Amino acid sequence: MATFITIGYGDRAGYDQTDPALRNAAHEHDAALRERGIIMGTVGHPFQVRNHDGTEVVTQEGPFLQSALPIAGFAIIEADSIEEATELVSQTPCAVAHGLVEVWPLQTTP
């Protein structure tokens, strides 16, 4: 099994223009993924942490990442392949409600 980090992007306008039945099905799909053990959640307010040269911890409110759509949530997925991970996220709210989901293979270091 490989581990994938997913980032869901979407906004209220895209969500609201999606057929309610499709949105409900997407939320049911999320519930099934959680039952499978996938860790997922929506995002809160971010802040940045820096500690350049290990001399001083500095924090700053706000996101560092920028995109045309706001970040809506994250998930950690265990799947046999990127194709399986893609299939798993293709029916989530961000994917079907005029947003998108990025799938990042997590490469662990020894």
Protein backbone atom coordinates (compact mmCIF):
# COMPACT_ATOMS: atom_id res chain seq x y z
CA MET A 1 0.00 0.00 0.00
CA ALA A 2 1.13 3.49 -0.78
CA THR A 3 0.14 6.66 1.05
CA PHE A 4 -1.29 9.68 -0.74
CA ILE A 5 -2.04 13.17 0.53
CA THR A 6 -4.98 14.82 -1.18
CA ILE A 7 -5.84 18.51 -1.24
CA GLY A 8 -9.40 19.46 -2.12
CA TYR A 9 -10.15 22.86 -3.59
CA GLY A 10 -13.59 24.39 -3.98
CA ASP A 11 -15.81 27.29 -3.14
CA ARG A 12 -19.41 27.86 -2.10
CA ALA A 13 -20.42 29.08 -5.59
CA GLY A 14 -19.35 25.82 -7.23
CA TYR A 15 -20.89 23.77 -4.45
CA ASP A 16 -24.21 25.62 -4.68
CA GLN A 17 -24.47 25.20 -8.45
CA THR A 18 -24.08 21.41 -8.19
CA ASP A 19 -27.25 19.32 -8.17
CA PRO A 20 -28.17 18.57 -4.52
CA ALA A 21 -28.54 14.85 -5.27
CA LEU A 22 -24.98 14.72 -6.63
CA ARG A 23 -23.67 16.68 -3.61
CA ASN A 24 -25.46 14.29 -1.23
CA ALA A 25 -24.00 11.29 -3.05
CA ALA A 26 -20.54 12.87 -2.76
CA HIS A 27 -20.98 13.36 0.99
CA GLU A 28 -22.11 9.72 1.31
CA HIS A 29 -18.96 8.74 -0.59
CA ASP A 30 -16.88 10.74 1.93
CA ALA A 31 -18.60 8.90 4.78
CA ALA A 32 -17.74 5.55 3.14
CA LEU A 33 -14.11 6.64 2.79
CA ARG A 34 -14.00 7.57 6.50
CA GLU A 35 -15.45 4.14 7.37
CA ARG A 36 -12.62 2.62 5.33
CA GLY A 37 -10.18 4.43 7.62
CA ILE A 38 -9.23 7.36 5.45
CA ILE A 39 -8.38 10.44 7.49
CA MET A 40 -10.03 13.55 6.05
CA GLY A 41 -11.26 16.90 7.15
CA THR A 42 -12.00 20.45 6.20
CA VAL A 43 -9.48 23.18 6.80
CA GLY A 44 -9.35 25.77 9.55
CA HIS A 45 -7.50 29.07 9.53
CA PRO A 46 -3.81 28.45 8.66
CA PHE A 47 -0.64 30.00 9.97
CA GLN A 48 2.96 29.78 8.86
CA VAL A 49 5.92 28.72 11.02
CA ARG A 50 9.53 29.65 10.33
CA ASN A 51 12.69 28.92 12.29
CA HIS A 52 15.48 30.04 9.95
CA ASP A 53 18.84 28.65 11.00
CA GLY A 54 17.18 27.35 14.18
CA THR A 55 17.49 30.75 15.83
CA GLU A 56 13.95 32.06 16.30
CA VAL A 57 10.45 30.64 15.81
CA VAL A 58 8.34 33.15 13.90
CA THR A 59 4.66 32.62 13.13
CA GLN A 60 2.42 34.51 10.76
CA GLU A 61 -1.30 34.14 10.18
CA GLY A 62 -2.56 33.25 6.74
CA PRO A 63 -1.90 30.71 4.01
CA PHE A 64 1.29 30.43 2.01
CA LEU A 65 -0.30 28.45 -0.83
CA GLN A 66 -2.37 30.39 -3.33
CA SER A 67 -4.77 29.11 -5.95
CA ALA A 68 -7.77 30.21 -7.98
CA LEU A 69 -10.02 28.18 -5.66
CA PRO A 70 -9.66 28.12 -1.87
CA ILE A 71 -8.33 25.01 -0.17
CA ALA A 72 -11.31 23.17 1.30
CA GLY A 73 -9.79 20.08 2.91
CA PHE A 74 -7.17 17.37 3.10
CA ALA A 75 -7.14 13.58 3.28
CA ILE A 76 -4.57 10.86 3.86
CA ILE A 77 -5.34 7.86 1.68
CA GLU A 78 -3.85 4.38 1.64
CA ALA A 79 -4.23 2.82 -1.82
CA ASP A 80 -2.49 0.26 -3.99
CA SER A 81 -1.78 2.77 -6.77
CA ILE A 82 -2.25 6.37 -7.81
CA GLU A 83 -5.02 5.14 -10.08
CA GLU A 84 -6.89 3.70 -7.10
CA ALA A 85 -6.33 6.90 -5.09
CA THR A 86 -7.63 8.92 -8.05
CA GLU A 87 -10.73 6.74 -8.27
CA LEU A 88 -11.36 7.13 -4.53
CA VAL A 89 -11.28 10.93 -4.65
CA SER A 90 -13.08 11.32 -7.98
CA GLN A 91 -16.49 11.13 -6.29
CA THR A 92 -15.79 13.48 -3.36
CA PRO A 93 -17.54 16.86 -2.98
CA CYS A 94 -14.58 18.91 -4.22
CA ALA A 95 -14.21 16.78 -7.34
CA VAL A 96 -17.88 16.81 -8.31
CA ALA A 97 -18.89 20.32 -7.15
CA HIS A 98 -16.84 22.35 -9.63
CA GLY A 99 -13.63 22.16 -7.60
CA LEU A 100 -10.72 19.78 -7.88
CA VAL A 101 -8.61 17.38 -5.85
CA GLU A 102 -4.84 17.08 -6.07
CA VAL A 103 -3.34 13.68 -5.30
CA TRP A 104 0.22 13.73 -3.96
CA PRO A 105 2.17 10.48 -3.47
CA LEU A 106 3.82 10.64 -0.05
CA GLN A 107 7.44 9.59 -0.29
CA THR A 108 8.78 8.69 3.12
CA THR A 109 12.44 8.93 3.96
CA PRO A 110 14.29 6.45 6.16
